[in-house]
Amino acid sequence: MPRLVIHRLSMAHPGDVSALAALLDSGALAARTIRAVIGKTEGNGGLNDFTRGYFTQSLMHLLSRATGEAPESLVARIPCVLSGGTEGVLSPHFMVFAAEPGGGAEGLAIGTAFGPPVAPGDVGNDAQIARVAAATRAAMADAGIEDPARVALVQVKSPAGGPGLLLRSVAGGAMGAAFALGDVPAGAARGAALLKDLTLFSSRVSASAGVEVVRDEVVVLGTAPGWAPGLSMAVRPMADALDLAAIQSAFRAVGLPADPDVPSAQRPRIRAVLAKGEPDRGLTVRGQRHTMLGDTDLDAQRHLRAALGAVIASVAGDGRVFVSGGAAHQGPPGGGLIAVIAASS
């Protein structure tokens, strides 16, 4: 009977896994209980962002020394979902999700799954949607979640597919997970709709893509029988990057006061804060023009991460916030989603 434990750890540089090494050396965490890692590295978030692969390599070598298992085997069974870009007040960090002994009647559960190796360019199409949908269902089964309504969040990482395909791969991963959850109907979950019909979305899916992965990786979080209580999770859609009310609602739903921010004494209870955001294609935010999509000096997603990250961090009182851009089919168009996990005490 498992118990989900989450450690949120800071990083001094993209290859810094010393905080995790300290937990392993002290016996506070057993390496073999680690199920997934989700984190923010300080690269640019683009195709040439080496920081994600550098961190993954460092992580797998550390876990290999701790378990005796080859890094190649570890990377094939432990999803490592990384988002590059810690613009503004965002702080590099990673969250370690472990399933330790000690279950209960019902609690927050984790499940993981991998798709098959993906050929270059085979993303952003019907095949990717089907692959990710199958992996999402497999991750739900791994967590012991039978009812899709009990899924709080699906985190997807897909291969980038090469120049020009990065955002299509993100969209394909999002659509596949949304289809598996029933948030997008089968007839509509098609490659032809990707990045075009933004009325098709799920507010329970966060997807990204990168060159450091070779297959679709899926992490499912939700409630399931047999898992120990003690962690609460809330996910809210955001209408836009200024949706302070939605952000505060997510924190309050897990028992953290946010009036307007979480009091310093309560902040140690925060285990994870994850968000998706998207520059509005209508080029306005609440009726006022924005220039994110027209700036030729700075990528729009970097603008977005800095702006949304500051709003969320101001409520959390902590810059360790996983903010990922490219939110097509993930939350309302021009908006996104916010997810918060906290310990009950």
Protein backbone atom coordinates (compact mmCIF):
# COMPACT_ATOMS: atom_id res chain seq x y z
CA MET A 1 0.00 0.00 0.00
CA PRO A 2 1.74 3.21 -1.14
CA ARG A 3 2.08 6.73 0.16
CA LEU A 4 2.96 9.57 -2.22
CA VAL A 5 5.81 11.77 -0.99
CA ILE A 6 7.02 14.89 -2.83
CA HIS A 7 10.31 16.67 -2.25
CA ARG A 8 10.74 20.15 -3.83
CA LEU A 9 14.47 20.79 -4.19
CA SER A 10 16.45 23.86 -5.25
CA MET A 11 19.28 23.87 -7.81
CA ALA A 12 22.50 25.89 -7.91
CA HIS A 13 23.10 25.11 -11.61
CA PRO A 14 21.48 22.92 -14.32
CA GLY A 15 23.36 19.79 -13.29
CA ASP A 16 22.96 20.26 -9.53
CA VAL A 17 21.38 17.21 -7.89
CA SER A 18 23.19 17.67 -4.57
CA ALA A 19 19.95 18.25 -2.63
CA LEU A 20 18.65 14.89 -3.80
CA ALA A 21 22.00 13.24 -3.08
CA ALA A 22 21.78 14.53 0.50
CA LEU A 23 18.32 12.99 0.93
CA LEU A 24 19.55 9.65 -0.41
CA ASP A 25 22.71 9.67 1.70
CA SER A 26 20.79 10.47 4.89
CA GLY A 27 18.24 7.73 4.31
CA ALA A 28 15.38 10.22 4.20
CA LEU A 29 14.53 8.95 0.71
CA ALA A 30 15.12 5.57 -0.90
CA ALA A 31 16.17 5.84 -4.55
CA ARG A 32 14.08 2.86 -5.60
CA THR A 33 10.88 4.57 -4.45
CA ILE A 34 11.27 7.46 -6.93
CA ARG A 35 8.54 7.39 -9.57
CA ALA A 36 8.96 10.69 -11.44
CA VAL A 37 10.82 13.99 -11.48
CA ILE A 38 9.37 17.30 -12.71
CA GLY A 39 11.48 20.43 -12.78
CA LYS A 40 12.48 23.85 -14.11
CA THR A 41 15.94 24.46 -15.54
CA GLU A 42 17.46 27.80 -16.44
CA GLY A 43 17.82 27.33 -20.19
CA ASN A 44 15.80 29.05 -22.90
CA GLY A 45 13.14 26.37 -23.30
CA GLY A 46 13.87 25.99 -27.02
CA LEU A 47 15.22 23.22 -29.22
CA ASN A 48 18.80 24.16 -28.32
CA ASP A 49 18.19 24.15 -24.56
CA PHE A 50 20.94 21.82 -23.30
CA THR A 51 20.05 22.31 -19.61
CA ARG A 52 17.25 19.76 -19.66
CA GLY A 53 19.44 16.97 -21.01
CA TYR A 54 22.29 17.97 -18.70
CA PHE A 55 20.04 17.71 -15.66
CA THR A 56 18.55 14.39 -16.80
CA GLN A 57 22.05 12.95 -17.27
CA SER A 58 23.14 14.13 -13.83
CA LEU A 59 19.98 12.75 -12.23
CA MET A 60 20.22 9.33 -13.83
CA HIS A 61 23.90 8.93 -12.95
CA LEU A 62 23.11 9.77 -9.32
CA LEU A 63 20.25 7.28 -9.22
CA SER A 64 22.40 4.68 -10.95
CA ARG A 65 25.01 4.94 -8.20
CA ALA A 66 22.27 4.67 -5.58
CA THR A 67 20.45 1.70 -7.10
CA GLY A 68 23.06 -0.16 -9.13
CA GLU A 69 20.74 0.09 -12.13
CA ALA A 70 22.10 1.33 -15.45
CA PRO A 71 21.23 4.94 -16.38
CA GLU A 72 19.72 3.69 -19.64
CA SER A 73 17.31 1.50 -17.69
CA LEU A 74 16.40 4.26 -15.25
CA VAL A 75 15.64 6.84 -17.94
CA ALA A 76 13.31 4.31 -19.57
CA ARG A 77 11.15 3.91 -16.46
CA ILE A 78 11.37 7.21 -14.51
CA PRO A 79 9.77 10.15 -16.34
CA CYS A 80 11.92 13.28 -16.09
CA VAL A 81 9.69 16.14 -17.21
CA LEU A 82 11.69 19.34 -17.50
CA SER A 83 10.71 22.82 -18.62
CA GLY A 84 13.47 25.22 -19.59
CA GLY A 85 13.34 28.91 -18.79
CA THR A 86 13.40 30.52 -15.33
CA GLU A 87 12.86 34.08 -16.45
CA GLY A 88 12.14 36.85 -13.95
CA VAL A 89 11.63 35.60 -10.40
CA LEU A 90 11.26 31.94 -11.31
CA SER A 91 13.81 29.79 -9.48
CA PRO A 92 15.45 26.60 -10.84
CA HIS A 93 14.15 23.59 -8.92
CA PHE A 94 12.91 20.04 -9.27
CA MET A 95 10.22 17.98 -7.60
CA VAL A 96 10.84 14.33 -6.76
CA PHE A 97 7.72 12.15 -6.59
CA ALA A 98 8.19 8.93 -4.61
CA ALA A 99 5.82 6.12 -3.66
CA GLU A 100 6.80 4.88 -0.21
CA PRO A 101 5.23 2.10 1.87
CA GLY A 102 2.27 3.12 4.01
CA GLY A 103 -1.15 3.21 2.37
CA GLY A 104 -4.62 4.12 3.51
CA ALA A 105 -8.23 4.23 2.40
CA GLU A 106 -7.77 6.85 -0.33
CA GLY A 107 -5.23 9.53 -1.15
CA LEU A 108 -3.28 11.33 -3.84
CA ALA A 109 -1.81 8.77 -6.22
CA ILE A 110 0.77 8.79 -8.98
CA GLY A 111 0.99 6.66 -12.09
CA THR A 112 3.49 6.73 -14.94
CA ALA A 113 3.78 5.32 -18.45
CA PHE A 114 5.92 5.59 -21.57
CA GLY A 115 4.98 5.35 -25.21
CA PRO A 116 7.11 3.59 -27.85
CA PRO A 117 10.20 5.25 -29.34
CA VAL A 118 9.17 8.00 -31.74
CA ALA A 119 10.64 8.43 -35.20
CA PRO A 120 11.90 11.96 -35.99
CA GLY A 121 9.06 14.12 -37.19
CA ASP A 122 6.32 11.71 -36.09
CA VAL A 123 4.69 14.25 -33.80
CA GLY A 124 1.83 16.71 -34.02
CA ASN A 125 -0.40 14.21 -35.82
CA ASP A 126 -3.07 11.55 -35.26
CA ALA A 127 -0.42 8.98 -34.37
CA GLN A 128 0.94 11.06 -31.50
CA ILE A 129 -2.55 11.73 -30.17
CA ALA A 130 -3.25 7.98 -30.13
CA ARG A 131 0.12 7.18 -28.50
CA VAL A 132 -0.32 9.72 -25.71
CA ALA A 133 -3.94 8.67 -25.11
CA ALA A 134 -2.81 5.06 -24.67
CA ALA A 135 0.03 6.07 -22.35
CA THR A 136 -2.35 8.23 -20.29
CA ARG A 137 -4.70 5.29 -19.81
CA ALA A 138 -1.73 3.09 -18.85
CA ALA A 139 -0.55 5.69 -16.29
CA MET A 140 -4.07 5.87 -14.82
CA ALA A 141 -4.07 2.09 -14.43
CA ASP A 142 -0.61 2.25 -12.84
CA ALA A 143 -1.99 4.69 -10.25
CA GLY A 144 -5.08 2.57 -9.64
CA ILE A 145 -7.40 5.25 -11.06
CA GLU A 146 -10.35 3.75 -12.93
CA ASP A 147 -12.58 6.82 -13.24
CA PRO A 148 -11.10 9.67 -15.35
CA ALA A 149 -13.05 12.10 -13.13
CA ARG A 150 -10.60 11.26 -10.33
CA VAL A 151 -7.62 12.48 -12.36
CA ALA A 152 -6.40 15.87 -11.17
CA LEU A 153 -3.59 16.43 -13.67
CA VAL A 154 -1.82 14.68 -16.53
CA GLN A 155 1.75 15.85 -17.17
CA VAL A 156 3.06 14.94 -20.63
CA LYS A 157 6.53 15.24 -22.13
CA SER A 158 6.98 14.43 -25.82
CA PRO A 159 9.86 14.47 -28.30
CA ALA A 160 10.21 17.86 -29.96
CA GLY A 161 10.26 16.42 -33.45
CA GLY A 162 12.65 18.98 -34.93
CA PRO A 163 12.48 22.58 -36.17
CA GLY A 164 8.96 23.87 -36.64
CA LEU A 165 7.38 20.97 -34.80
CA LEU A 166 7.97 21.87 -31.16
CA LEU A 167 4.58 23.52 -30.53
CA ARG A 168 2.77 20.92 -32.64
CA SER A 169 4.30 18.21 -30.47
CA VAL A 170 3.18 20.02 -27.31
CA ALA A 171 -0.31 20.34 -28.76
CA GLY A 172 -0.37 16.70 -29.83
CA GLY A 173 0.57 15.53 -26.35
CA ALA A 174 -2.09 17.75 -24.81
CA MET A 175 -4.77 16.54 -27.19
CA GLY A 176 -3.92 12.87 -26.59
CA ALA A 177 -4.22 13.23 -22.82
CA ALA A 178 -7.41 15.30 -23.13
CA PHE A 179 -8.93 12.58 -25.31
CA ALA A 180 -8.01 9.87 -22.79
CA LEU A 181 -9.71 11.86 -20.02
CA GLY A 182 -12.84 12.39 -22.09
CA ASP A 183 -12.38 16.16 -22.05
CA VAL A 184 -12.15 16.17 -25.87
CA PRO A 185 -14.36 13.78 -27.85
CA ALA A 186 -12.84 11.14 -30.11
CA GLY A 187 -14.10 12.67 -33.34
CA ALA A 188 -12.54 16.03 -32.52
CA ALA A 189 -9.16 14.80 -31.20
CA ARG A 190 -7.43 14.93 -34.55
CA GLY A 191 -4.15 16.24 -35.84
CA ALA A 192 -5.98 18.65 -38.12
CA ALA A 193 -7.32 20.51 -35.07
CA LEU A 194 -3.93 21.05 -33.42
CA LEU A 195 -3.11 24.73 -32.85
CA LYS A 196 -6.24 25.65 -34.83
CA ASP A 197 -9.38 24.75 -32.89
CA LEU A 198 -8.46 26.10 -29.47
CA THR A 199 -11.99 25.51 -28.16
CA LEU A 200 -10.80 21.92 -27.73
CA PHE A 201 -8.91 21.76 -24.46
CA SER A 202 -8.57 20.16 -21.05
CA SER A 203 -7.92 22.12 -17.88
CA ARG A 204 -6.34 18.97 -16.41
CA VAL A 205 -3.48 18.52 -18.88
CA SER A 206 -0.01 20.09 -18.94
CA ALA A 207 2.19 19.18 -21.91
CA SER A 208 5.66 20.08 -23.12
CA ALA A 209 8.23 18.79 -25.59
CA GLY A 210 12.01 18.62 -25.86
CA VAL A 211 14.92 17.11 -27.72
CA GLU A 212 16.09 15.29 -24.58
CA VAL A 213 13.32 12.67 -24.76
CA VAL A 214 12.77 10.00 -27.42
CA ARG A 215 9.29 8.84 -26.45
CA ASP A 216 6.14 10.24 -24.89
CA GLU A 217 6.36 10.27 -21.08
CA VAL A 218 3.21 10.59 -18.98
CA VAL A 219 2.67 11.25 -15.28
CA VAL A 220 -0.87 11.07 -13.86
CA LEU A 221 -1.86 12.51 -10.49
CA GLY A 222 -5.26 11.92 -8.92
CA THR A 223 -7.09 10.19 -6.08
CA ALA A 224 -7.18 6.42 -5.81
CA PRO A 225 -8.02 3.79 -3.18
CA GLY A 226 -5.15 2.26 -1.24
CA TRP A 227 -3.03 5.42 -1.23
CA ALA A 228 -2.31 7.20 2.03
CA PRO A 229 -3.93 10.57 2.72
CA GLY A 230 -1.87 13.59 3.70
CA LEU A 231 -1.52 15.47 0.40
CA SER A 232 -4.15 17.64 -1.25
CA MET A 233 -4.18 18.79 -4.87
CA ALA A 234 -6.23 21.45 -6.62
CA VAL A 235 -6.25 22.43 -10.28
CA ARG A 236 -7.96 25.52 -11.68
CA PRO A 237 -8.30 26.92 -15.21
CA MET A 238 -6.92 30.42 -15.74
CA ALA A 239 -8.69 32.83 -18.08
CA ASP A 240 -5.47 34.74 -18.75
CA ALA A 241 -2.03 35.48 -17.31
CA LEU A 242 -3.52 37.95 -14.85
CA ASP A 243 -6.06 35.54 -13.35
CA LEU A 244 -5.11 36.13 -9.73
CA ALA A 245 -8.49 34.86 -8.51
CA ALA A 246 -7.92 31.41 -10.06
CA ILE A 247 -4.44 31.20 -8.57
CA GLN A 248 -5.65 32.12 -5.11
CA SER A 249 -8.54 29.67 -5.46
CA ALA A 250 -6.14 26.80 -6.11
CA PHE A 251 -4.09 27.61 -3.01
CA ARG A 252 -7.18 28.00 -0.85
CA ALA A 253 -8.59 24.69 -2.10
CA VAL A 254 -5.65 22.83 -0.55
CA GLY A 255 -6.08 24.66 2.74
CA LEU A 256 -3.51 27.41 2.23
CA PRO A 257 -4.72 30.96 2.98
CA ALA A 258 -4.00 33.32 0.09
CA ASP A 259 -5.14 36.78 1.20
CA PRO A 260 -3.44 37.94 -0.93
CA ASP A 261 -0.45 35.60 -0.46
CA VAL A 262 0.29 32.45 1.53
CA PRO A 263 1.62 33.37 5.01
CA SER A 264 5.29 32.53 5.52
CA ALA A 265 4.47 30.05 8.28
CA GLN A 266 2.30 28.04 5.87
CA ARG A 267 4.67 28.01 2.88
CA PRO A 268 6.62 24.89 3.99
CA ARG A 269 3.42 22.92 3.34
CA ILE A 270 3.67 23.62 -0.40
CA ARG A 271 4.95 20.57 -2.26
CA ALA A 272 4.45 21.61 -5.88
CA VAL A 273 3.12 24.50 -7.95
CA LEU A 274 2.66 23.87 -11.67
CA ALA A 275 1.18 26.11 -14.33
CA LYS A 276 0.63 26.45 -18.07
CA GLY A 277 0.20 29.74 -19.87
CA GLU A 278 -0.23 31.08 -23.38
CA PRO A 279 0.09 34.56 -24.93
CA ASP A 280 -3.38 35.47 -26.14
CA ARG A 281 -3.52 35.24 -29.94
CA GLY A 282 -5.93 38.15 -30.00
CA LEU A 283 -2.97 40.31 -28.92
CA THR A 284 -4.79 41.73 -25.92
CA VAL A 285 -5.05 40.98 -22.20
CA ARG A 286 -8.28 42.26 -20.68
CA GLY A 287 -8.78 44.68 -23.52
CA GLN A 288 -5.26 46.08 -23.53
CA ARG A 289 -2.70 45.33 -26.24
CA HIS A 290 0.25 43.06 -25.45
CA THR A 291 3.40 42.71 -27.57
CA MET A 292 4.50 39.21 -26.62
CA LEU A 293 3.84 37.69 -30.04
CA GLY A 294 5.42 40.55 -31.98
CA ASP A 295 8.72 40.95 -30.13
CA THR A 296 11.54 39.83 -32.42
CA ASP A 297 14.14 40.16 -29.64
CA LEU A 298 12.57 37.86 -27.06
CA ASP A 299 10.52 34.71 -27.63
CA ALA A 300 6.86 35.01 -26.66
CA GLN A 301 7.06 32.05 -24.30
CA ARG A 302 9.84 33.74 -22.33
CA HIS A 303 7.67 36.83 -21.94
CA LEU A 304 4.83 34.60 -20.77
CA ARG A 305 6.86 32.60 -18.26
CA ALA A 306 8.26 35.76 -16.67
CA ALA A 307 4.88 37.48 -16.38
CA LEU A 308 2.82 34.52 -15.20
CA GLY A 309 5.61 33.29 -12.94
CA ALA A 310 5.68 36.61 -11.12
CA VAL A 311 1.93 36.59 -10.52
CA ILE A 312 1.97 33.02 -9.14
CA ALA A 313 5.16 33.46 -7.11
CA SER A 314 3.72 36.57 -5.48
CA VAL A 315 0.91 34.40 -4.09
CA ALA A 316 3.11 31.41 -3.20
CA GLY A 317 5.78 33.63 -1.67
CA ASP A 318 8.32 31.42 -3.43
CA GLY A 319 9.88 31.48 -6.92
CA ARG A 320 9.98 27.69 -7.20
CA VAL A 321 7.06 27.55 -9.60
CA PHE A 322 6.90 25.26 -12.63
CA VAL A 323 5.61 27.58 -15.37
CA SER A 324 5.53 26.21 -18.88
CA GLY A 325 4.51 28.13 -22.00
CA GLY A 326 2.82 26.76 -25.10
CA ALA A 327 -0.58 26.08 -23.54
CA ALA A 328 -2.64 25.31 -26.66
CA HIS A 329 -5.40 22.82 -25.71
CA GLN A 330 -4.40 23.17 -22.04
CA GLY A 331 -6.91 25.42 -20.34
CA PRO A 332 -8.96 28.20 -21.95
CA PRO A 333 -7.51 29.91 -25.06
CA GLY A 334 -5.21 32.73 -24.02
CA GLY A 335 -5.15 31.36 -20.49
CA GLY A 336 -3.96 28.09 -19.02
CA LEU A 337 -4.11 26.27 -15.71
CA ILE A 338 -2.67 26.31 -12.20
CA ALA A 339 -2.10 23.25 -10.00
CA VAL A 340 -1.08 23.24 -6.34
CA ILE A 341 -0.12 20.31 -4.11
CA ALA A 342 0.21 20.81 -0.36
CA ALA A 343 0.68 18.73 2.76
CA SER A 344 -2.28 18.72 5.11
CA SER A 345 -0.12 19.91 8.00
